[in-house]
Amino acid sequence: MKSSAPLVVVGIFSCILVGCGQITQTSERNPPDTTYQVGSFEFRDGGSSQKVRGASVTPAFFQGAKIAPLLGRGFLPVEYDSSRRQVVMLSQRFWQQQFGGDPRTIGRTMRLNGETFTVIGIMPTTFDVPAGVDVWIPKAG
């Protein structure tokens, strides 16, 4: 009987080079088109503003994607209620560009379309659904 030790070593080495979390992330499914609506948001940072591509998502969106945030958490069921505090999840790309990759961004507020949102999560770079989206907010309804 042959030893499986070389395979274990290769698996550990792959996790070190690629990142164990990323191995499962490559198999995420795309959520159905009916679970999100893409739009343009005005992101205001101090005195300047810029357009940001974003999506309003239903509870089924991240359930269908089967991928966890890189940092922070996903939306809670109560956050899909329009009367609740507004929260946002960011792409890793946007987080790096606008917040310098600072982990203390979780819990901070930001302005989108003139409204205040609390950052609750950062999605990994491997998650680009819908393509080019940098912010996700829960869709009330």
C-alpha atoms as a PDB file:
ATOM      1  CA  MET A   1       0.000   0.000   0.000  1.00  0.00           C
ATOM      2  CA  LYS A   2       1.427   3.368  -1.031  1.00  0.00           C
ATOM      3  CA  SER A   3       1.548   6.313   1.356  1.00  0.00           C
ATOM      4  CA  SER A   4      -0.619   9.350   0.680  1.00  0.00           C
ATOM      5  CA  ALA A   5       1.892  11.643   2.440  1.00  0.00           C
ATOM      6  CA  PRO A   6       3.147  13.217  -0.835  1.00  0.00           C
ATOM      7  CA  LEU A   7      -0.428  14.205  -1.732  1.00  0.00           C
ATOM      8  CA  VAL A   8      -0.932  15.785   1.683  1.00  0.00           C
ATOM      9  CA  VAL A   9       2.280  17.786   1.270  1.00  0.00           C
ATOM     10  CA  VAL A  10       1.182  18.951  -2.193  1.00  0.00           C
ATOM     11  CA  GLY A  11      -2.212  19.986  -0.771  1.00  0.00           C
ATOM     12  CA  ILE A  12      -0.612  21.964   2.054  1.00  0.00           C
ATOM     13  CA  PHE A  13       1.851  23.575  -0.359  1.00  0.00           C
ATOM     14  CA  SER A  14      -1.045  24.563  -2.658  1.00  0.00           C
ATOM     15  CA  CYS A  15      -2.865  26.183   0.266  1.00  0.00           C
ATOM     16  CA  ILE A  16       0.229  28.213   1.088  1.00  0.00           C
ATOM     17  CA  LEU A  17       0.711  29.409  -2.506  1.00  0.00           C
ATOM     18  CA  VAL A  18      -2.912  29.877  -3.559  1.00  0.00           C
ATOM     19  CA  GLY A  19      -4.713  30.268  -0.253  1.00  0.00           C
ATOM     20  CA  CYS A  20      -6.993  27.558   1.096  1.00  0.00           C
ATOM     21  CA  GLY A  21     -10.017  29.862   1.139  1.00  0.00           C
ATOM     22  CA  GLN A  22      -9.624  30.604  -2.555  1.00  0.00           C
ATOM     23  CA  ILE A  23      -9.754  26.941  -3.507  1.00  0.00           C
ATOM     24  CA  THR A  24     -13.431  26.710  -2.551  1.00  0.00           C
ATOM     25  CA  GLN A  25     -14.193  30.163  -3.924  1.00  0.00           C
ATOM     26  CA  THR A  26     -13.404  29.218  -7.486  1.00  0.00           C
ATOM     27  CA  SER A  27     -16.440  26.956  -7.585  1.00  0.00           C
ATOM     28  CA  GLU A  28     -19.046  29.548  -6.619  1.00  0.00           C
ATOM     29  CA  ARG A  29     -22.221  29.601  -8.619  1.00  0.00           C
ATOM     30  CA  ASN A  30     -23.599  32.714 -10.199  1.00  0.00           C
ATOM     31  CA  PRO A  31     -26.810  33.822  -8.511  1.00  0.00           C
ATOM     32  CA  PRO A  32     -29.916  34.024 -10.733  1.00  0.00           C
ATOM     33  CA  ASP A  33     -30.423  37.305 -12.626  1.00  0.00           C
ATOM     34  CA  THR A  34     -33.713  37.789 -10.800  1.00  0.00           C
ATOM     35  CA  THR A  35     -31.888  38.204  -7.458  1.00  0.00           C
ATOM     36  CA  TYR A  36     -30.225  41.530  -8.221  1.00  0.00           C
ATOM     37  CA  GLN A  37     -30.635  44.866  -9.960  1.00  0.00           C
ATOM     38  CA  VAL A  38     -27.553  46.743 -11.175  1.00  0.00           C
ATOM     39  CA  GLY A  39     -27.363  50.499 -10.922  1.00  0.00           C
ATOM     40  CA  SER A  40     -25.074  53.470 -10.568  1.00  0.00           C
ATOM     41  CA  PHE A  41     -24.443  54.984  -7.151  1.00  0.00           C
ATOM     42  CA  GLU A  42     -22.853  58.312  -6.288  1.00  0.00           C
ATOM     43  CA  PHE A  43     -20.098  57.703  -3.735  1.00  0.00           C
ATOM     44  CA  ARG A  44     -19.227  60.837  -1.804  1.00  0.00           C
ATOM     45  CA  ASP A  45     -15.942  60.964   0.072  1.00  0.00           C
ATOM     46  CA  GLY A  46     -15.383  64.312   1.741  1.00  0.00           C
ATOM     47  CA  GLY A  47     -15.762  66.999  -0.925  1.00  0.00           C
ATOM     48  CA  SER A  48     -15.429  64.757  -3.963  1.00  0.00           C
ATOM     49  CA  SER A  49     -17.843  62.309  -5.527  1.00  0.00           C
ATOM     50  CA  GLN A  50     -17.656  59.554  -8.122  1.00  0.00           C
ATOM     51  CA  LYS A  51     -19.991  57.105  -9.816  1.00  0.00           C
ATOM     52  CA  VAL A  52     -19.784  53.532  -8.557  1.00  0.00           C
ATOM     53  CA  ARG A  53     -21.380  50.460 -10.121  1.00  0.00           C
ATOM     54  CA  GLY A  54     -23.533  48.671  -7.565  1.00  0.00           C
ATOM     55  CA  ALA A  55     -26.314  46.164  -7.127  1.00  0.00           C
ATOM     56  CA  SER A  56     -29.398  45.932  -4.950  1.00  0.00           C
ATOM     57  CA  VAL A  57     -29.708  42.267  -4.005  1.00  0.00           C
ATOM     58  CA  THR A  58     -32.389  39.960  -2.612  1.00  0.00           C
ATOM     59  CA  PRO A  59     -31.719  37.406   0.158  1.00  0.00           C
ATOM     60  CA  ALA A  60     -31.325  34.702  -2.523  1.00  0.00           C
ATOM     61  CA  PHE A  61     -28.389  36.533  -4.167  1.00  0.00           C
ATOM     62  CA  PHE A  62     -25.613  35.568  -1.730  1.00  0.00           C
ATOM     63  CA  GLN A  63     -27.315  32.258  -0.924  1.00  0.00           C
ATOM     64  CA  GLY A  64     -27.048  31.383  -4.614  1.00  0.00           C
ATOM     65  CA  ALA A  65     -23.444  32.539  -4.820  1.00  0.00           C
ATOM     66  CA  LYS A  66     -22.360  30.323  -1.917  1.00  0.00           C
ATOM     67  CA  ILE A  67     -19.355  32.485  -1.077  1.00  0.00           C
ATOM     68  CA  ALA A  68     -18.448  34.119   2.206  1.00  0.00           C
ATOM     69  CA  PRO A  69     -17.094  37.638   2.659  1.00  0.00           C
ATOM     70  CA  LEU A  70     -13.333  38.062   2.895  1.00  0.00           C
ATOM     71  CA  LEU A  71     -13.903  40.282   5.944  1.00  0.00           C
ATOM     72  CA  GLY A  72     -16.956  41.065   8.005  1.00  0.00           C
ATOM     73  CA  ARG A  73     -20.309  39.430   7.408  1.00  0.00           C
ATOM     74  CA  GLY A  74     -23.134  39.146   4.931  1.00  0.00           C
ATOM     75  CA  PHE A  75     -26.577  40.707   5.157  1.00  0.00           C
ATOM     76  CA  LEU A  76     -28.928  39.653   7.941  1.00  0.00           C
ATOM     77  CA  PRO A  77     -32.552  38.868   7.034  1.00  0.00           C
ATOM     78  CA  VAL A  78     -33.766  41.920   8.971  1.00  0.00           C
ATOM     79  CA  GLU A  79     -31.538  44.196   6.847  1.00  0.00           C
ATOM     80  CA  TYR A  80     -33.747  43.607   3.809  1.00  0.00           C
ATOM     81  CA  ASP A  81     -36.480  45.563   5.615  1.00  0.00           C
ATOM     82  CA  SER A  82     -36.439  49.129   4.268  1.00  0.00           C
ATOM     83  CA  SER A  83     -37.023  50.596   7.729  1.00  0.00           C
ATOM     84  CA  ARG A  84     -33.779  49.109   9.102  1.00  0.00           C
ATOM     85  CA  ARG A  85     -30.353  50.681   9.248  1.00  0.00           C
ATOM     86  CA  GLN A  86     -28.703  50.756   5.821  1.00  0.00           C
ATOM     87  CA  VAL A  87     -25.721  48.486   5.264  1.00  0.00           C
ATOM     88  CA  VAL A  88     -23.358  47.858   2.346  1.00  0.00           C
ATOM     89  CA  MET A  89     -20.856  45.221   1.241  1.00  0.00           C
ATOM     90  CA  LEU A  90     -17.833  46.283  -0.820  1.00  0.00           C
ATOM     91  CA  SER A  91     -15.728  44.576  -3.455  1.00  0.00           C
ATOM     92  CA  GLN A  92     -12.140  43.973  -2.458  1.00  0.00           C
ATOM     93  CA  ARG A  93     -11.090  46.173  -5.394  1.00  0.00           C
ATOM     94  CA  PHE A  94     -13.158  49.156  -4.173  1.00  0.00           C
ATOM     95  CA  TRP A  95     -12.048  48.588  -0.575  1.00  0.00           C
ATOM     96  CA  GLN A  96      -8.391  48.695  -1.649  1.00  0.00           C
ATOM     97  CA  GLN A  97      -8.856  51.797  -3.849  1.00  0.00           C
ATOM     98  CA  GLN A  98     -11.009  53.876  -1.504  1.00  0.00           C
ATOM     99  CA  PHE A  99     -10.031  52.659   1.961  1.00  0.00           C
ATOM    100  CA  GLY A 100      -6.480  51.397   1.418  1.00  0.00           C
ATOM    101  CA  GLY A 101      -7.433  47.866   2.443  1.00  0.00           C
ATOM    102  CA  ASP A 102      -7.865  48.991   6.059  1.00  0.00           C
ATOM    103  CA  PRO A 103      -9.683  46.235   8.023  1.00  0.00           C
ATOM    104  CA  ARG A 104     -11.122  48.954  10.271  1.00  0.00           C
ATOM    105  CA  THR A 105     -13.369  49.878   7.325  1.00  0.00           C
ATOM    106  CA  ILE A 106     -15.815  47.298   8.705  1.00  0.00           C
ATOM    107  CA  GLY A 107     -18.259  49.284  10.841  1.00  0.00           C
ATOM    108  CA  ARG A 108     -17.431  52.641   9.250  1.00  0.00           C
ATOM    109  CA  THR A 109     -20.010  54.644   7.361  1.00  0.00           C
ATOM    110  CA  MET A 110     -19.952  55.895   3.791  1.00  0.00           C
ATOM    111  CA  ARG A 111     -22.288  57.999   1.632  1.00  0.00           C
ATOM    112  CA  LEU A 112     -24.079  56.533  -1.395  1.00  0.00           C
ATOM    113  CA  ASN A 113     -26.695  58.578  -3.249  1.00  0.00           C
ATOM    114  CA  GLY A 114     -26.748  61.023  -0.348  1.00  0.00           C
ATOM    115  CA  GLU A 115     -27.596  58.337   2.218  1.00  0.00           C
ATOM    116  CA  THR A 116     -25.396  56.896   4.965  1.00  0.00           C
ATOM    117  CA  PHE A 117     -24.498  53.197   4.824  1.00  0.00           C
ATOM    118  CA  THR A 118     -22.505  51.111   7.303  1.00  0.00           C
ATOM    119  CA  VAL A 119     -19.851  48.845   5.760  1.00  0.00           C
ATOM    120  CA  ILE A 120     -20.436  45.302   7.038  1.00  0.00           C
ATOM    121  CA  GLY A 121     -18.419  43.138   4.643  1.00  0.00           C
ATOM    122  CA  ILE A 122     -15.737  42.922   1.975  1.00  0.00           C
ATOM    123  CA  MET A 123     -16.183  40.399  -0.837  1.00  0.00           C
ATOM    124  CA  PRO A 124     -13.073  38.653  -2.216  1.00  0.00           C
ATOM    125  CA  THR A 125     -11.656  39.478  -5.649  1.00  0.00           C
ATOM    126  CA  THR A 126     -12.780  36.063  -6.893  1.00  0.00           C
ATOM    127  CA  PHE A 127     -16.394  37.259  -6.557  1.00  0.00           C
ATOM    128  CA  ASP A 128     -17.263  39.579  -9.463  1.00  0.00           C
ATOM    129  CA  VAL A 129     -21.030  39.180  -9.817  1.00  0.00           C
ATOM    130  CA  PRO A 130     -22.530  41.029 -11.554  1.00  0.00           C
ATOM    131  CA  ALA A 131     -19.330  41.899 -13.402  1.00  0.00           C
ATOM    132  CA  GLY A 132     -17.745  45.184 -12.362  1.00  0.00           C
ATOM    133  CA  VAL A 133     -19.971  45.779  -9.319  1.00  0.00           C
ATOM    134  CA  ASP A 134     -18.197  47.383  -6.361  1.00  0.00           C
ATOM    135  CA  VAL A 135     -21.021  47.783  -3.824  1.00  0.00           C
ATOM    136  CA  TRP A 136     -23.942  45.575  -2.840  1.00  0.00           C
ATOM    137  CA  ILE A 137     -26.906  46.761  -0.788  1.00  0.00           C
ATOM    138  CA  PRO A 138     -29.913  44.756   0.404  1.00  0.00           C
ATOM    139  CA  LYS A 139     -33.011  45.198  -1.726  1.00  0.00           C
ATOM    140  CA  ALA A 140     -36.082  45.967   0.332  1.00  0.00           C
ATOM    141  CA  GLY A 141     -39.203  44.217  -0.607  1.00  0.00           C
END
